[in-house]
PDB file of N, CA and C in Angstrom:
ATOM      1  N   MET A   1      74.321 100.082 102.530  1.00  0.00           N
ATOM      2  CA  MET A   1      74.876  99.171 101.736  1.00  0.00           C
ATOM      3  C   MET A   1      75.916 100.190 101.150  1.00  0.00           C
ATOM      4  N   ILE A   2      75.967 101.581 100.912  1.00  0.00           N
ATOM      5  CA  ILE A   2      76.541 102.184 100.025  1.00  0.00           C
ATOM      6  C   ILE A   2      77.716 102.598 101.104  1.00  0.00           C
ATOM      7  N   MET A   3      76.945 102.660 102.637  1.00  0.00           N
ATOM      8  CA  MET A   3      78.277 102.851 103.368  1.00  0.00           C
ATOM      9  C   MET A   3      79.238 101.556 103.372  1.00  0.00           C
ATOM     10  N   LYS A   4      79.192 100.623 103.771  1.00  0.00           N
ATOM     11  CA  LYS A   4      80.194  99.554 103.299  1.00  0.00           C
ATOM     12  C   LYS A   4      81.070 100.136 102.081  1.00  0.00           C
ATOM     13  N   TYR A   5      80.402 100.249 101.230  1.00  0.00           N
ATOM     14  CA  TYR A   5      81.302 100.459 100.026  1.00  0.00           C
ATOM     15  C   TYR A   5      82.145 101.689 100.321  1.00  0.00           C
ATOM     16  N   LEU A   6      81.814 102.815 100.423  1.00  0.00           N
ATOM     17  CA  LEU A   6      82.238 103.867 100.852  1.00  0.00           C
ATOM     18  C   LEU A   6      83.489 103.565 102.146  1.00  0.00           C
ATOM     19  N   ILE A   7      83.197 102.908 103.147  1.00  0.00           N
ATOM     20  CA  ILE A   7      84.027 102.922 104.205  1.00  0.00           C
ATOM     21  C   ILE A   7      85.191 102.171 103.716  1.00  0.00           C
ATOM     22  N   ASN A   8      84.938 101.029 102.835  1.00  0.00           N
ATOM     23  CA  ASN A   8      86.247  99.993 102.088  1.00  0.00           C
ATOM     24  C   ASN A   8      86.802 101.073 101.359  1.00  0.00           C
ATOM     25  N   PHE A   9      86.633 101.946 100.247  1.00  0.00           N
ATOM     26  CA  PHE A   9      87.087 102.513  99.434  1.00  0.00           C
ATOM     27  C   PHE A   9      88.031 103.766  99.932  1.00  0.00           C
ATOM     28  N   ILE A  10      87.475 104.481 101.010  1.00  0.00           N
ATOM     29  CA  ILE A  10      88.482 104.728 102.121  1.00  0.00           C
ATOM     30  C   ILE A  10      89.428 104.154 102.603  1.00  0.00           C
ATOM     31  N   ARG A  11      88.959 103.490 103.401  1.00  0.00           N
ATOM     32  CA  ARG A  11      90.348 102.426 104.064  1.00  0.00           C
ATOM     33  C   ARG A  11      91.515 102.164 102.648  1.00  0.00           C
ATOM     34  N   HIS A  12      90.969 101.777 101.648  1.00  0.00           N
ATOM     35  CA  HIS A  12      91.956 101.248 100.489  1.00  0.00           C
ATOM     36  C   HIS A  12      92.915 102.661  99.976  1.00  0.00           C
ATOM     37  N   LEU A  13      92.151 103.964  99.976  1.00  0.00           N
ATOM     38  CA  LEU A  13      92.627 105.353  99.410  1.00  0.00           C
ATOM     39  C   LEU A  13      93.917 105.390 100.856  1.00  0.00           C
ATOM     40  N   LEU A  14      93.489 105.365 101.632  1.00  0.00           N
ATOM     41  CA  LEU A  14      94.507 105.404 102.951  1.00  0.00           C
ATOM     42  C   LEU A  14      95.687 104.507 102.659  1.00  0.00           C
ATOM     43  N   PHE A  15      95.368 103.213 102.554  1.00  0.00           N
ATOM     44  CA  PHE A  15      96.194 102.330 102.214  1.00  0.00           C
ATOM     45  C   PHE A  15      97.237 102.751 101.411  1.00  0.00           C
ATOM     46  N   CYS A  16      96.976 102.938 100.101  1.00  0.00           N
ATOM     47  CA  CYS A  16      97.581 103.458  99.014  1.00  0.00           C
ATOM     48  C   CYS A  16      98.223 104.740  99.659  1.00  0.00           C
ATOM     49  N   PHE A  17      97.790 105.613  99.656  1.00  0.00           N
ATOM     50  CA  PHE A  17      98.806 106.987 100.541  1.00  0.00           C
ATOM     51  C   PHE A  17      99.735 106.415 101.474  1.00  0.00           C
ATOM     52  N   LEU A  18      99.357 105.740 102.137  1.00  0.00           N
ATOM     53  CA  LEU A  18     100.277 105.136 103.239  1.00  0.00           C
ATOM     54  C   LEU A  18     101.400 104.403 102.614  1.00  0.00           C
ATOM     55  N   ALA A  19     101.153 103.784 101.345  1.00  0.00           N
ATOM     56  CA  ALA A  19     102.119 102.945 100.740  1.00  0.00           C
ATOM     57  C   ALA A  19     103.332 103.912  99.918  1.00  0.00           C
ATOM     58  N   LEU A  20     102.463 105.005  99.310  1.00  0.00           N
ATOM     59  CA  LEU A  20     103.000 105.833  98.799  1.00  0.00           C
ATOM     60  C   LEU A  20     104.029 106.696  99.596  1.00  0.00           C
ATOM     61  N   PHE A  21     103.507 107.051 100.680  1.00  0.00           N
ATOM     62  CA  PHE A  21     104.341 107.890 101.676  1.00  0.00           C
ATOM     63  C   PHE A  21     105.854 106.995 101.997  1.00  0.00           C
ATOM     64  N   VAL A  22     105.729 105.828 102.048  1.00  0.00           N
ATOM     65  CA  VAL A  22     106.773 105.104 102.275  1.00  0.00           C
ATOM     66  C   VAL A  22     107.360 104.857 101.542  1.00  0.00           C
ATOM     67  N   VAL A  23     107.060 104.752 100.114  1.00  0.00           N
ATOM     68  CA  VAL A  23     107.949 104.377  99.026  1.00  0.00           C
ATOM     69  C   VAL A  23     108.641 106.101  98.952  1.00  0.00           C
ATOM     70  N   VAL A  24     108.172 107.264  98.916  1.00  0.00           N
ATOM     71  CA  VAL A  24     109.012 108.252  98.788  1.00  0.00           C
ATOM     72  C   VAL A  24     109.544 108.732  99.896  1.00  0.00           C
ATOM     73  N   LEU A  25     109.692 107.781 101.229  1.00  0.00           N
ATOM     74  CA  LEU A  25     110.352 108.164 102.401  1.00  0.00           C
ATOM     75  C   LEU A  25     111.554 107.111 102.404  1.00  0.00           C
ATOM     76  N   VAL A  26     111.474 106.210 101.753  1.00  0.00           N
ATOM     77  CA  VAL A  26     112.709 105.274 101.214  1.00  0.00           C
ATOM     78  C   VAL A  26     113.446 106.138 100.127  1.00  0.00           C
ATOM     79  N   VAL A  27     112.824 106.855  99.108  1.00  0.00           N
ATOM     80  CA  VAL A  27     114.226 106.967  98.346  1.00  0.00           C
ATOM     81  C   VAL A  27     114.448 108.357  98.836  1.00  0.00           C
ATOM     82  N   TRP A  28     113.750 109.315  99.787  1.00  0.00           N
ATOM     83  CA  TRP A  28     114.661 110.271 100.190  1.00  0.00           C
ATOM     84  C   TRP A  28     115.738 109.801 101.126  1.00  0.00           C
ATOM     85  N   ILE A  29     115.147 108.885 101.941  1.00  0.00           N
ATOM     86  CA  ILE A  29     116.640 108.197 103.028  1.00  0.00           C
ATOM     87  C   ILE A  29     117.697 107.569 101.885  1.00  0.00           C
ATOM     88  N   LEU A  30     117.345 106.909 100.885  1.00  0.00           N
ATOM     89  CA  LEU A  30     118.343 106.224  99.896  1.00  0.00           C
ATOM     90  C   LEU A  30     119.006 107.518  99.639  1.00  0.00           C
ATOM     91  N   ALA A  31     118.496 108.856  99.081  1.00  0.00           N
ATOM     92  CA  ALA A  31     119.436 110.094  98.611  1.00  0.00           C
ATOM     93  C   ALA A  31     119.938 110.725  99.905  1.00  0.00           C
ATOM     94  N   PHE A  32     119.680 110.558 100.886  1.00  0.00           N
ATOM     95  CA  PHE A  32     119.727 111.554 102.096  1.00  0.00           C
ATOM     96  C   PHE A  32     121.506 111.580 102.112  1.00  0.00           C
ATOM     97  N   PRO A  33     122.156 110.110 102.295  1.00  0.00           N
ATOM     98  CA  PRO A  33     123.802 110.188 102.502  1.00  0.00           C
ATOM     99  C   PRO A  33     124.378 111.053 101.563  1.00  0.00           C
ATOM    100  N   TYR A  34     124.552 110.507 100.093  1.00  0.00           N
ATOM    101  CA  TYR A  34     124.486 111.234  98.835  1.00  0.00           C
ATOM    102  C   TYR A  34     124.236 112.613  98.956  1.00  0.00           C
ATOM    103  N   LEU A  35     123.144 113.392  99.039  1.00  0.00           N
ATOM    104  CA  LEU A  35     123.111 114.742  99.173  1.00  0.00           C
ATOM    105  C   LEU A  35     124.040 115.293 100.493  1.00  0.00           C
ATOM    106  N   ILE A  36     124.525 114.452 101.453  1.00  0.00           N
ATOM    107  CA  ILE A  36     125.303 115.051 102.345  1.00  0.00           C
ATOM    108  C   ILE A  36     126.751 115.016 101.820  1.00  0.00           C
ATOM    109  N   ASN A  37     126.849 113.762 101.439  1.00  0.00           N
ATOM    110  CA  ASN A  37     128.442 113.970 100.619  1.00  0.00           C
ATOM    111  C   ASN A  37     128.361 114.759  99.610  1.00  0.00           C
ATOM    112  N   ASP A  38     127.742 115.157  99.215  1.00  0.00           N
ATOM    113  CA  ASP A  38     128.018 116.229  98.160  1.00  0.00           C
ATOM    114  C   ASP A  38     128.386 117.506  98.612  1.00  0.00           C
ATOM    115  N   TYR A  39     127.552 118.125  99.637  1.00  0.00           N
ATOM    116  CA  TYR A  39     127.768 119.407 100.137  1.00  0.00           C
ATOM    117  C   TYR A  39     128.728 119.218 101.043  1.00  0.00           C
ATOM    118  N   PHE A  40     129.098 117.987 101.718  1.00  0.00           N
ATOM    119  CA  PHE A  40     130.104 118.068 102.483  1.00  0.00           C
ATOM    120  C   PHE A  40     131.289 116.733 102.597  1.00  0.00           C
ATOM    121  N   PRO A  41     132.003 116.783 101.342  1.00  0.00           N
ATOM    122  CA  PRO A  41     132.897 115.640 101.082  1.00  0.00           C
ATOM    123  C   PRO A  41     133.640 115.082 101.839  1.00  0.00           C
ATOM    124  N   GLY A  42     133.669 113.974 101.877  1.00  0.00           N
ATOM    125  CA  GLY A  42     134.649 113.343 103.186  1.00  0.00           C
ATOM    126  C   GLY A  42     133.980 112.829 104.375  1.00  0.00           C
ATOM    127  N   TYR A  43     132.412 113.419 104.687  1.00  0.00           N
ATOM    128  CA  TYR A  43     132.238 113.452 105.878  1.00  0.00           C
ATOM    129  C   TYR A  43     131.635 112.123 106.067  1.00  0.00           C
ATOM    130  N   ILE A  44     130.935 111.414 105.155  1.00  0.00           N
ATOM    131  CA  ILE A  44     130.629 109.854 105.429  1.00  0.00           C
ATOM    132  C   ILE A  44     131.454 109.225 104.630  1.00  0.00           C
ATOM    133  N   PRO A  45     131.957 108.267 105.086  1.00  0.00           N
ATOM    134  CA  PRO A  45     133.082 107.197 104.832  1.00  0.00           C
ATOM    135  C   PRO A  45     132.450 106.372 103.370  1.00  0.00           C
ATOM    136  N   SER A  46     133.581 106.461 102.598  1.00  0.00           N
ATOM    137  CA  SER A  46     132.899 105.681 101.278  1.00  0.00           C
ATOM    138  C   SER A  46     132.423 104.284 101.323  1.00  0.00           C
ATOM    139  N   PHE A  47     133.055 103.756 102.167  1.00  0.00           N
ATOM    140  CA  PHE A  47     132.456 102.051 102.226  1.00  0.00           C
ATOM    141  C   PHE A  47     131.185 102.375 102.952  1.00  0.00           C
ATOM    142  N   LEU A  48     130.868 103.076 103.510  1.00  0.00           N
ATOM    143  CA  LEU A  48     129.437 103.266 104.385  1.00  0.00           C
ATOM    144  C   LEU A  48     128.422 103.621 103.212  1.00  0.00           C
ATOM    145  N   LEU A  49     128.980 104.449 102.107  1.00  0.00           N
ATOM    146  CA  LEU A  49     127.882 104.626 101.006  1.00  0.00           C
ATOM    147  C   LEU A  49     128.074 103.404 100.116  1.00  0.00           C
ATOM    148  N   LYS A  50     128.481 102.624 100.314  1.00  0.00           N
ATOM    149  CA  LYS A  50     128.826 101.701  99.083  1.00  0.00           C
ATOM    150  C   LYS A  50     127.849 100.450  99.942  1.00  0.00           C
ATOM    151  N   THR A  51     127.507 100.419 101.140  1.00  0.00           N
ATOM    152  CA  THR A  51     126.778  99.292 101.783  1.00  0.00           C
ATOM    153  C   THR A  51     125.422 100.057 102.057  1.00  0.00           C
ATOM    154  N   PHE A  52     125.183 101.279 102.016  1.00  0.00           N
ATOM    155  CA  PHE A  52     124.024 101.550 102.510  1.00  0.00           C
ATOM    156  C   PHE A  52     122.991 101.650 101.286  1.00  0.00           C
ATOM    157  N   PRO A  53     122.959 101.463 100.535  1.00  0.00           N
ATOM    158  CA  PRO A  53     121.568 101.352  99.503  1.00  0.00           C
ATOM    159  C   PRO A  53     120.860  99.734  99.718  1.00  0.00           C
ATOM    160  N   ASP A  54     122.007  98.967  99.996  1.00  0.00           N
ATOM    161  CA  ASP A  54     121.396  97.537 100.452  1.00  0.00           C
ATOM    162  C   ASP A  54     120.644  97.521 101.937  1.00  0.00           C
ATOM    163  N   THR A  55     121.173  97.857 102.783  1.00  0.00           N
ATOM    164  CA  THR A  55     120.984  98.246 103.979  1.00  0.00           C
ATOM    165  C   THR A  55     119.332  98.767 103.870  1.00  0.00           C
ATOM    166  N   ALA A  56     119.202  99.949 102.720  1.00  0.00           N
ATOM    167  CA  ALA A  56     117.856 100.857 103.088  1.00  0.00           C
ATOM    168  C   ALA A  56     117.100 100.063 102.351  1.00  0.00           C
ATOM    169  N   LEU A  57     117.368  99.297 101.369  1.00  0.00           N
ATOM    170  CA  LEU A  57     116.575  98.352 100.643  1.00  0.00           C
ATOM    171  C   LEU A  57     115.925  97.187 101.444  1.00  0.00           C
ATOM    172  N   SER A  58     116.790  96.836 102.238  1.00  0.00           N
ATOM    173  CA  SER A  58     115.913  96.062 103.186  1.00  0.00           C
ATOM    174  C   SER A  58     115.161  96.287 103.868  1.00  0.00           C
ATOM    175  N   ILE A  59     115.620  97.548 104.571  1.00  0.00           N
ATOM    176  CA  ILE A  59     114.492  98.207 105.723  1.00  0.00           C
ATOM    177  C   ILE A  59     113.237  98.122 104.887  1.00  0.00           C
ATOM    178  N   PHE A  60     113.541  98.922 103.637  1.00  0.00           N
ATOM    179  CA  PHE A  60     112.483  99.298 103.036  1.00  0.00           C
ATOM    180  C   PHE A  60     111.230  97.985 102.765  1.00  0.00           C
ATOM    181  N   TRP A  61     111.814  96.879 101.838  1.00  0.00           N
ATOM    182  CA  TRP A  61     111.045  95.771 102.122  1.00  0.00           C
ATOM    183  C   TRP A  61     110.533  95.291 103.178  1.00  0.00           C
ATOM    184  N   PHE A  62     110.849  95.266 104.780  1.00  0.00           N
ATOM    185  CA  PHE A  62     110.632  95.043 105.670  1.00  0.00           C
ATOM    186  C   PHE A  62     109.351  95.750 106.231  1.00  0.00           C
ATOM    187  N   PHE A  63     109.565  97.281 105.542  1.00  0.00           N
ATOM    188  CA  PHE A  63     107.849  97.843 106.072  1.00  0.00           C
ATOM    189  C   PHE A  63     107.272  97.786 105.010  1.00  0.00           C
ATOM    190  N   ILE A  64     107.262  97.323 103.759  1.00  0.00           N
ATOM    191  CA  ILE A  64     106.471  97.191 102.573  1.00  0.00           C
ATOM    192  C   ILE A  64     105.646  95.787 103.267  1.00  0.00           C
ATOM    193  N   LEU A  65     106.411  95.284 103.697  1.00  0.00           N
ATOM    194  CA  LEU A  65     105.747  93.547 104.341  1.00  0.00           C
ATOM    195  C   LEU A  65     105.108  93.855 105.609  1.00  0.00           C
ATOM    196  N   PHE A  66     105.499  94.616 106.381  1.00  0.00           N
ATOM    197  CA  PHE A  66     104.964  95.147 107.329  1.00  0.00           C
ATOM    198  C   PHE A  66     103.576  96.039 107.310  1.00  0.00           C
ATOM    199  N   ILE A  67     103.731  96.549 106.595  1.00  0.00           N
ATOM    200  CA  ILE A  67     102.134  97.558 105.857  1.00  0.00           C
ATOM    201  C   ILE A  67     101.267  96.448 105.346  1.00  0.00           C
ATOM    202  N   TYR A  68     101.608  95.459 104.703  1.00  0.00           N
ATOM    203  CA  TYR A  68     100.923  94.489 104.105  1.00  0.00           C
ATOM    204  C   TYR A  68     100.225  93.660 105.220  1.00  0.00           C
ATOM    205  N   ALA A  69     101.291  93.266 105.662  1.00  0.00           N
ATOM    206  CA  ALA A  69     100.752  92.331 107.085  1.00  0.00           C
ATOM    207  C   ALA A  69      99.377  93.028 108.009  1.00  0.00           C
ATOM    208  N   SER A  70      99.707  94.362 108.041  1.00  0.00           N
ATOM    209  CA  SER A  70      98.831  95.095 109.352  1.00  0.00           C
ATOM    210  C   SER A  70      97.637  95.345 108.353  1.00  0.00           C
ATOM    211  N   TYR A  71      97.781  95.638 107.140  1.00  0.00           N
ATOM    212  CA  TYR A  71      96.534  95.792 106.265  1.00  0.00           C
ATOM    213  C   TYR A  71      95.292  94.289 106.105  1.00  0.00           C
ATOM    214  N   TRP A  72      96.256  93.291 106.191  1.00  0.00           N
ATOM    215  CA  TRP A  72      95.665  91.715 106.076  1.00  0.00           C
ATOM    216  C   TRP A  72      95.197  91.676 107.136  1.00  0.00           C
ATOM    217  N   SER A  73      95.769  92.064 108.142  1.00  0.00           N
ATOM    218  CA  SER A  73      95.118  91.630 109.702  1.00  0.00           C
ATOM    219  C   SER A  73      93.884  92.584 109.915  1.00  0.00           C
ATOM    220  N   LEU A  74      94.175  93.690 109.555  1.00  0.00           N
ATOM    221  CA  LEU A  74      93.121  94.684 109.949  1.00  0.00           C
ATOM    222  C   LEU A  74      91.590  94.512 108.952  1.00  0.00           C
ATOM    223  N   ASN A  75      92.247  93.794 108.024  1.00  0.00           N
ATOM    224  CA  ASN A  75      91.240  93.255 107.290  1.00  0.00           C
ATOM    225  C   ASN A  75      90.118  92.224 107.299  1.00  0.00           C
ATOM    226  N   ASN A  76      91.107  91.172 107.748  1.00  0.00           N
ATOM    227  CA  ASN A  76      90.277  90.011 108.531  1.00  0.00           C
ATOM    228  C   ASN A  76      89.939  90.178 109.650  1.00  0.00           C
ATOM    229  N   GLU A  77      90.290  91.280 110.531  1.00  0.00           N
ATOM    230  CA  GLU A  77      89.580  91.399 111.709  1.00  0.00           C
ATOM    231  C   GLU A  77      87.980  92.182 111.599  1.00  0.00           C
ATOM    232  N   TYR A  78      88.617  92.923 110.461  1.00  0.00           N
ATOM    233  CA  TYR A  78      86.791  93.648 109.988  1.00  0.00           C
ATOM    234  C   TYR A  78      86.053  92.947 109.353  1.00  0.00           C
ATOM    235  N   LYS A  79      86.481  91.669 108.699  1.00  0.00           N
ATOM    236  CA  LYS A  79      85.350  90.750 108.192  1.00  0.00           C
ATOM    237  C   LYS A  79      84.938  89.565 109.143  1.00  0.00           C
ATOM    238  N   LYS A  80      85.805  89.708 110.087  1.00  0.00           N
ATOM    239  CA  LYS A  80      84.934  88.835 111.169  1.00  0.00           C
ATOM    240  C   LYS A  80      83.990  89.571 112.124  1.00  0.00           C
ATOM    241  N   ARG A  81      84.309  90.767 112.525  1.00  0.00           N
ATOM    242  CA  ARG A  81      83.709  91.714 113.106  1.00  0.00           C
ATOM    243  C   ARG A  81      81.929  92.342 112.509  1.00  0.00           C
ATOM    244  N   ASN A  82      82.014  92.473 110.970  1.00  0.00           N
ATOM    245  CA  ASN A  82      81.036  92.477 109.780  1.00  0.00           C
ATOM    246  C   ASN A  82      80.421  91.411 109.633  1.00  0.00           C
ATOM    247  N   LYS A  83      81.036  90.275 109.782  1.00  0.00           N
ATOM    248  CA  LYS A  83      80.597  88.860 109.143  1.00  0.00           C
ATOM    249  C   LYS A  83      80.471  89.015 107.591  1.00  0.00           C
ATOM    250  N   ILE A  84      81.723  89.309 106.750  1.00  0.00           N
ATOM    251  CA  ILE A  84      81.409  89.566 105.451  1.00  0.00           C
ATOM    252  C   ILE A  84      81.849  88.324 104.798  1.00  0.00           C
TER     253      ILE A  84
END
């Protein structure tokens, strides 16, 4: 009985760390073109810098939904196998 709760707790922690990793990665991706532009002015065209955050945020929400759908699917499969 305790093992079941321990396994669920570990799965929850892994999911939280994965979500945190994705958030940090997206923030870094959002900042990267601006860092390049600071060190190499004019290297990235200004129109790309204006549209980049919208594109990156769309990708970010896609990954958040993908992770949630994966977790939901795995959780349902786990419940079916263990008849919870």
